């Protein structure tokens, strides 16, 4: 069996979507007719990652055995390493890795979680990941939290998406929103607070102390992700668990984050080398005694790939992430993932377990520009 072709394309989910809001998909075709689906990180529509696959990586992989995926993708990474091993390149490799695992599952007739060693649980609780709260007033935050509670999440995470250029912009307001959410959900529902890199170290410690008093479960990315020592300083000075790693793209980078003092790491399967990359992250985290709680906001391919990985974790300490509900969850898939009674159930179909609706795909597919 050989890799015959690699398709790269965007998905426009809504006619009003700009290219920056597209999803970035990959389909690998083999000479036996088996195909595999993958997804790259969608930052700015994933244009850079898809371009790397199309122009640089696909020519390296055509004619190769897809079962050699770890070797092939490590070779591709080192061939292109001078482009920078982080960001777009890592996202490109992640998309291909997921697609090649999908092919391996279809070839063997097994779901991916079986191929990586089995699942500790096949029904996974989720936490509702709610973005946009930096721009909402308190009532707006409470309304969106109330709406997400109808899905019966095991926890709630409120995200303060921001430009990352106005640090400590409204600390009292942020704390007031965190306090209001705690009052709304009561004392027992676990809560998390994602600062999206919005504070200085001093501001983060101030907010973290308030979150500790409110009984929040974890405090995510309180400072700029590239300030490793500051992230570690905040983690060491607070009792609340400080997490980071969504914007870490290499295993060495994750090791540096752990070395700085972060005790909960959150790499993303569509950014950090796909399933192979996350398995390496899991081994690193377990070796250092830190929690691995993967970040994942893409609703279908990335989400299901992450379910397979998360189910295999020996020390899966937190629910899986489920982002704000979107039409992207079901628009082009025959059996999209949906929670039932607060749980996502692992698909038992071969590979990743997703089937495309080709007619729906054709309506939304956007080809990359020529050249």
Protein backbone atom coordinates (compact mmCIF):
# COMPACT_ATOMS: atom_id res chain seq x y z
CA UNK A 1 0.00 0.00 0.00
CA UNK A 2 1.34 3.42 -0.99
CA UNK A 3 0.28 7.02 -0.57
CA UNK A 4 -1.17 8.01 -3.95
CA UNK A 5 -2.39 11.56 -3.37
CA UNK A 6 -2.90 14.15 -0.65
CA UNK A 7 -5.77 16.62 -0.89
CA UNK A 8 -5.68 19.92 1.01
CA UNK A 9 -8.78 22.11 1.15
CA UNK A 10 -10.70 24.59 3.24
CA UNK A 11 -14.26 24.26 4.52
CA UNK A 12 -16.47 27.36 4.50
CA UNK A 13 -19.18 26.66 7.05
CA UNK A 14 -21.23 29.80 6.60
CA UNK A 15 -21.56 31.96 3.48
CA UNK A 16 -20.51 34.95 5.58
CA UNK A 17 -17.27 33.30 6.71
CA UNK A 18 -14.03 35.00 5.75
CA UNK A 19 -11.02 32.80 4.86
CA UNK A 20 -9.67 33.34 8.38
CA UNK A 21 -12.66 31.40 9.73
CA UNK A 22 -12.37 28.37 7.45
CA UNK A 23 -11.40 24.92 8.71
CA UNK A 24 -8.27 23.29 7.27
CA UNK A 25 -8.78 19.66 6.17
CA UNK A 26 -6.53 17.03 4.63
CA UNK A 27 -7.49 13.79 2.90
CA UNK A 28 -4.81 11.20 2.17
CA UNK A 29 -5.60 8.67 -0.57
CA UNK A 30 -3.81 5.34 -1.02
CA UNK A 31 -3.41 3.18 -4.11
CA UNK A 32 -5.69 0.58 -2.50
CA UNK A 33 -8.62 3.00 -2.20
CA UNK A 34 -8.33 3.58 1.56
CA UNK A 35 -8.48 7.23 2.61
CA UNK A 36 -7.76 9.08 5.82
CA UNK A 37 -9.03 12.41 7.15
CA UNK A 38 -6.99 14.95 9.10
CA UNK A 39 -7.31 18.51 10.34
CA UNK A 40 -4.74 21.26 10.86
CA UNK A 41 -4.84 24.06 13.38
CA UNK A 42 -7.22 26.65 11.92
CA UNK A 43 -5.33 29.80 12.85
CA UNK A 44 -6.10 32.24 9.99
CA UNK A 45 -7.88 29.36 8.31
CA UNK A 46 -4.83 27.12 8.45
CA UNK A 47 -3.63 28.55 5.14
CA UNK A 48 0.05 28.30 6.01
CA UNK A 49 -0.23 24.68 7.15
CA UNK A 50 -2.17 23.58 4.08
CA UNK A 51 0.29 25.39 1.83
CA UNK A 52 3.21 23.56 3.43
CA UNK A 53 1.46 20.22 2.94
CA UNK A 54 0.56 20.92 -0.66
CA UNK A 55 3.87 22.34 -1.85
CA UNK A 56 6.52 20.83 0.43
CA UNK A 57 5.34 17.74 2.34
CA UNK A 58 3.01 15.95 -0.09
CA UNK A 59 5.77 15.48 -2.69
CA UNK A 60 7.90 13.84 0.01
CA UNK A 61 5.13 11.41 1.01
CA UNK A 62 3.71 10.29 -2.32
CA UNK A 63 4.72 6.71 -3.05
CA UNK A 64 5.55 5.97 0.61
CA UNK A 65 3.95 3.39 2.92
CA UNK A 66 1.37 5.22 5.10
CA UNK A 67 2.08 2.82 7.96
CA UNK A 68 5.52 4.42 8.28
CA UNK A 69 3.81 7.64 9.36
CA UNK A 70 5.96 8.45 12.41
CA UNK A 71 9.19 8.08 10.44
CA UNK A 72 7.81 9.94 7.43
CA UNK A 73 6.55 12.89 9.42
CA UNK A 74 9.71 13.17 11.53
CA UNK A 75 11.66 13.21 8.28
CA UNK A 76 9.39 15.94 6.92
CA UNK A 77 9.76 18.00 10.08
CA UNK A 78 13.55 17.91 9.90
CA UNK A 79 13.53 18.61 6.17
CA UNK A 80 11.53 21.80 6.80
CA UNK A 81 12.89 22.63 10.27
CA UNK A 82 14.50 25.88 9.11
CA UNK A 83 11.02 27.23 8.45
CA UNK A 84 10.60 26.98 12.21
CA UNK A 85 9.47 23.75 13.90
CA UNK A 86 6.52 25.44 15.61
CA UNK A 87 3.18 26.80 14.51
CA UNK A 88 2.22 26.20 10.89
CA UNK A 89 4.67 23.35 10.32
CA UNK A 90 3.58 21.48 13.43
CA UNK A 91 -0.07 21.98 12.44
CA UNK A 92 0.62 20.57 8.98
CA UNK A 93 2.26 17.48 10.44
CA UNK A 94 -0.61 17.06 12.90
CA UNK A 95 -3.18 16.98 10.11
CA UNK A 96 -1.24 14.36 8.20
CA UNK A 97 -0.61 12.24 11.29
CA UNK A 98 -4.32 12.08 12.11
CA UNK A 99 -5.13 11.13 8.51
CA UNK A 100 -2.50 8.38 8.47
CA UNK A 101 -3.76 6.94 11.77
CA UNK A 102 -7.23 6.96 10.19
CA UNK A 103 -5.87 4.85 7.32
CA UNK A 104 -4.16 2.46 9.73
CA UNK A 105 -7.45 1.94 11.56
CA UNK A 106 -9.37 1.30 8.36
CA UNK A 107 -6.72 -1.15 7.17
CA UNK A 108 -6.90 -3.16 10.41
CA UNK A 109 -10.63 -2.71 10.95
CA UNK A 110 -9.99 -1.18 14.39
CA UNK A 111 -10.77 2.19 15.97
CA UNK A 112 -7.73 4.30 16.76
CA UNK A 113 -8.06 3.90 20.52
CA UNK A 114 -7.58 0.15 20.09
CA UNK A 115 -4.45 0.70 18.03
CA UNK A 116 -2.86 2.93 20.67
CA UNK A 117 -3.43 0.43 23.45
CA UNK A 118 -7.07 0.57 24.46
CA UNK A 119 -9.35 2.88 26.41
CA UNK A 120 -9.68 3.21 30.16
CA UNK A 121 -13.20 4.47 29.48
CA UNK A 122 -15.27 4.68 26.31
CA UNK A 123 -17.72 7.31 27.59
CA UNK A 124 -16.00 10.59 28.37
CA UNK A 125 -17.38 13.56 30.30
CA UNK A 126 -16.67 16.98 28.85
CA UNK A 127 -16.24 20.52 30.05
CA UNK A 128 -18.05 23.31 28.24
CA UNK A 129 -15.44 25.72 26.90
CA UNK A 130 -17.08 29.15 26.54
CA UNK A 131 -15.26 31.86 24.61
CA UNK A 132 -15.80 35.58 24.21
CA UNK A 133 -16.29 36.54 27.85
CA UNK A 134 -13.83 39.42 27.79
CA UNK A 135 -16.27 41.37 25.61
CA UNK A 136 -19.44 40.43 27.49
CA UNK A 137 -20.88 42.17 30.52
CA UNK A 138 -21.70 40.09 33.59
CA UNK A 139 -25.28 39.40 32.49
CA UNK A 140 -24.05 38.32 29.07
CA UNK A 141 -21.58 35.89 30.63
CA UNK A 142 -24.27 34.40 32.85
CA UNK A 143 -26.70 33.95 29.94
CA UNK A 144 -24.20 31.99 27.86
CA UNK A 145 -23.19 29.84 30.84
CA UNK A 146 -26.85 29.07 31.53
CA UNK A 147 -27.29 27.98 27.92
CA UNK A 148 -24.31 25.62 28.05
CA UNK A 149 -25.48 24.05 31.32
CA UNK A 150 -28.32 22.46 29.34
CA UNK A 151 -25.72 20.12 27.76
CA UNK A 152 -24.92 18.71 31.23
CA UNK A 153 -21.17 19.41 31.23
CA UNK A 154 -18.98 18.01 33.99
CA UNK A 155 -17.32 21.43 34.29
CA UNK A 156 -17.38 24.93 32.78
CA UNK A 157 -14.43 26.94 31.47
CA UNK A 158 -14.88 30.65 30.85
CA UNK A 159 -12.43 32.10 28.32
CA UNK A 160 -11.40 35.74 28.17
CA UNK A 161 -10.38 35.95 24.52
CA UNK A 162 -8.47 39.17 23.91
CA UNK A 163 -5.88 40.78 21.65
CA UNK A 164 -3.03 39.91 24.07
CA UNK A 165 -1.79 43.48 23.74
CA UNK A 166 -3.67 45.12 26.64
CA UNK A 167 -2.49 43.24 29.71
CA UNK A 168 -4.31 43.67 33.03
CA UNK A 169 -6.98 45.70 31.19
CA UNK A 170 -9.89 45.00 33.58
CA UNK A 171 -8.83 42.86 36.50
CA UNK A 172 -11.74 43.93 38.78
CA UNK A 173 -14.22 43.23 35.99
CA UNK A 174 -12.71 39.83 35.24
CA UNK A 175 -12.88 38.84 38.90
CA UNK A 176 -16.47 40.05 39.11
CA UNK A 177 -17.42 37.80 36.19
CA UNK A 178 -15.65 34.83 37.79
CA UNK A 179 -17.51 35.49 41.03
CA UNK A 180 -20.88 35.78 39.27
CA UNK A 181 -20.39 32.47 37.47
CA UNK A 182 -19.57 30.75 40.74
CA UNK A 183 -22.76 32.12 42.30
CA UNK A 184 -24.76 30.94 39.29
CA UNK A 185 -23.53 27.33 39.20
CA UNK A 186 -23.19 26.80 42.95
CA UNK A 187 -20.32 25.53 45.03
CA UNK A 188 -19.93 22.05 43.56
CA UNK A 189 -19.63 22.39 39.77
CA UNK A 190 -15.94 22.56 38.76
CA UNK A 191 -14.95 25.81 37.06
CA UNK A 192 -11.90 26.88 35.08
CA UNK A 193 -10.72 30.33 34.00
CA UNK A 194 -8.80 30.81 30.74
CA UNK A 195 -7.02 34.17 30.69
CA UNK A 196 -5.79 33.73 27.10
CA UNK A 197 -2.44 35.31 28.04
CA UNK A 198 -4.14 38.44 29.36
CA UNK A 199 -2.12 39.40 32.43
CA UNK A 200 1.28 40.39 33.68
CA UNK A 201 2.74 38.07 36.30
CA UNK A 202 1.61 40.40 39.07
CA UNK A 203 -1.86 40.75 37.61
CA UNK A 204 -2.13 36.99 37.18
CA UNK A 205 -1.24 36.37 40.81
CA UNK A 206 -3.91 38.86 41.88
CA UNK A 207 -6.55 37.15 39.75
CA UNK A 208 -5.33 33.71 40.78
CA UNK A 209 -5.78 34.50 44.47
CA UNK A 210 -9.39 35.47 43.79
CA UNK A 211 -9.97 32.27 41.82
CA UNK A 212 -8.56 30.24 44.70
CA UNK A 213 -11.10 31.81 47.06
CA UNK A 214 -13.87 31.02 44.59
CA UNK A 215 -12.81 27.37 44.34
CA UNK A 216 -11.87 27.39 40.64
CA UNK A 217 -10.30 24.16 39.38
CA UNK A 218 -7.57 25.60 37.15
CA UNK A 219 -6.22 28.91 35.78
CA UNK A 220 -5.23 28.63 32.12
CA UNK A 221 -2.50 30.61 30.31
CA UNK A 222 -2.45 33.57 32.71
CA UNK A 223 0.55 35.27 31.06
CA UNK A 224 2.02 35.41 27.56
CA UNK A 225 2.85 31.86 26.49
CA UNK A 226 6.38 32.77 25.42
CA UNK A 227 7.31 34.03 28.89
CA UNK A 228 8.11 30.59 30.29
CA UNK A 229 9.73 31.80 33.48
CA UNK A 230 6.83 34.15 34.24
CA UNK A 231 4.36 31.29 33.65
CA UNK A 232 6.36 29.13 36.03
CA UNK A 233 6.57 31.92 38.61
CA UNK A 234 2.79 32.32 38.62
CA UNK A 235 2.34 28.54 38.87
CA UNK A 236 4.71 28.29 41.84
CA UNK A 237 3.17 31.21 43.75
CA UNK A 238 -0.44 30.09 43.47
CA UNK A 239 -2.22 27.12 45.01
CA UNK A 240 -4.69 26.88 42.12
CA UNK A 241 -3.44 24.68 39.27
CA UNK A 242 -1.94 26.85 36.54
CA UNK A 243 -2.06 25.30 33.08
CA UNK A 244 -0.43 26.13 29.74
CA UNK A 245 0.68 24.47 26.53
CA UNK A 246 -2.03 25.25 23.97
CA UNK A 247 0.57 27.34 22.12
CA UNK A 248 3.43 24.90 22.60
CA UNK A 249 4.24 22.99 19.44
CA UNK A 250 7.23 20.76 20.20
CA UNK A 251 8.05 18.14 22.80
CA UNK A 252 11.13 20.14 23.81
CA UNK A 253 8.94 23.21 24.32
CA UNK A 254 6.61 21.21 26.54
CA UNK A 255 9.59 19.96 28.56
CA UNK A 256 10.71 23.58 29.05
CA UNK A 257 7.23 24.50 30.27
CA UNK A 258 7.27 21.66 32.79
CA UNK A 259 10.78 22.65 33.85
CA UNK A 260 9.58 26.19 34.53
CA UNK A 261 7.09 24.84 37.07
CA UNK A 262 3.79 24.33 35.21
CA UNK A 263 2.07 21.22 36.56
CA UNK A 264 -0.79 20.88 34.06
CA UNK A 265 0.01 20.94 30.35
CA UNK A 266 -2.47 21.36 27.50
CA UNK A 267 -0.99 20.65 24.07
CA UNK A 268 -3.45 20.43 21.19
CA UNK A 269 -3.74 17.45 18.85
CA UNK A 270 -4.11 19.64 15.72
CA UNK A 271 -1.07 21.72 16.69
CA UNK A 272 1.30 19.26 18.38
CA UNK A 273 1.98 16.51 15.85
CA UNK A 274 -1.40 14.80 15.91
CA UNK A 275 -1.98 11.50 17.70
CA UNK A 276 1.70 10.50 17.55
CA UNK A 277 2.68 13.87 19.00
CA UNK A 278 0.16 13.69 21.83
CA UNK A 279 1.24 10.16 22.73
CA UNK A 280 4.77 11.49 23.15
CA UNK A 281 3.42 14.34 25.27
CA UNK A 282 1.55 11.85 27.46
CA UNK A 283 4.74 9.89 28.12
CA UNK A 284 6.62 13.09 28.98
CA UNK A 285 3.89 14.31 31.32
CA UNK A 286 3.65 10.96 33.09
CA UNK A 287 7.43 10.81 33.51
CA UNK A 288 7.38 14.21 35.23
CA UNK A 289 4.24 13.64 37.28
CA UNK A 290 2.27 16.48 35.69
CA UNK A 291 -1.30 16.43 34.41
CA UNK A 292 -1.94 16.19 30.66
CA UNK A 293 -5.29 17.76 29.76
CA UNK A 294 -5.29 18.26 25.98
CA UNK A 295 -6.63 21.51 24.57
CA UNK A 296 -9.01 20.98 21.65
CA UNK A 297 -11.59 23.38 20.23
CA UNK A 298 -12.13 21.98 16.72
CA UNK A 299 -15.54 20.33 16.75
CA UNK A 300 -15.26 17.22 14.61
CA UNK A 301 -12.03 15.71 13.24
CA UNK A 302 -9.81 17.25 15.89
CA UNK A 303 -12.40 16.57 18.59
CA UNK A 304 -12.86 12.88 17.76
CA UNK A 305 -9.12 12.32 17.36
CA UNK A 306 -8.71 13.86 20.80
CA UNK A 307 -11.38 11.57 22.26
CA UNK A 308 -9.41 8.51 21.12
CA UNK A 309 -6.26 9.91 22.71
CA UNK A 310 -7.87 11.12 25.93
CA UNK A 311 -9.58 7.78 26.51
CA UNK A 312 -6.20 6.05 26.45
CA UNK A 313 -4.62 8.22 29.16
CA UNK A 314 -3.85 6.34 32.37
CA UNK A 315 -4.17 9.52 34.42
CA UNK A 316 -6.99 11.33 32.66
CA UNK A 317 -7.71 13.77 35.43
CA UNK A 318 -10.07 16.23 33.73
CA UNK A 319 -12.98 16.09 31.26
CA UNK A 320 -12.35 16.61 27.55
CA UNK A 321 -12.88 20.07 26.08
CA UNK A 322 -15.97 20.85 24.00
CA UNK A 323 -16.00 24.28 22.43
CA UNK A 324 -18.96 26.55 21.80
CA UNK A 325 -21.50 24.55 19.72
CA UNK A 326 -21.34 25.31 16.01
CA UNK A 327 -22.82 24.21 12.68
CA UNK A 328 -19.30 22.88 11.99
CA UNK A 329 -20.12 19.98 14.29
CA UNK A 330 -22.47 18.28 11.85
CA UNK A 331 -22.47 19.99 8.45
CA UNK A 332 -20.40 17.51 6.41
CA UNK A 333 -20.36 14.35 8.51
CA UNK A 334 -22.74 11.41 8.49
CA UNK A 335 -22.25 10.57 12.18
CA UNK A 336 -21.06 13.72 13.94
CA UNK A 337 -20.04 13.57 17.60
CA UNK A 338 -22.75 14.68 20.00
CA UNK A 339 -22.88 14.23 23.77
CA UNK A 340 -25.52 11.97 25.26
CA UNK A 341 -26.48 12.61 28.89
CA UNK A 342 -23.29 14.62 29.38
CA UNK A 343 -20.96 12.05 27.80
CA UNK A 344 -19.18 11.64 24.48
CA UNK A 345 -19.02 7.99 23.42
CA UNK A 346 -16.02 6.74 21.48
CA UNK A 347 -16.89 5.61 17.95
CA UNK A 348 -16.23 1.92 17.36
CA UNK A 349 -15.93 2.23 13.57
CA UNK A 350 -12.46 1.68 12.07
CA UNK A 351 -9.98 4.53 12.20
CA UNK A 352 -11.12 7.87 13.51
CA UNK A 353 -14.74 6.80 13.04
CA UNK A 354 -16.05 9.64 10.86
CA UNK A 355 -17.74 9.41 7.45
CA UNK A 356 -17.99 12.38 5.14
CA UNK A 357 -21.23 13.40 3.46
CA UNK A 358 -19.67 14.04 0.05
CA UNK A 359 -22.57 16.14 -1.25
CA UNK A 360 -22.48 18.43 1.80
CA UNK A 361 -18.70 18.58 1.54
CA UNK A 362 -18.86 19.69 -2.09
CA UNK A 363 -21.14 22.59 -1.13
CA UNK A 364 -18.68 23.94 1.43
CA UNK A 365 -15.31 22.93 0.04
CA UNK A 366 -12.98 25.76 -0.97
CA UNK A 367 -9.87 24.90 -2.95
CA UNK A 368 -6.54 26.50 -2.20
CA UNK A 369 -5.39 29.13 -4.68
CA UNK A 370 -3.24 27.78 -7.49
CA UNK A 371 0.52 28.21 -7.25
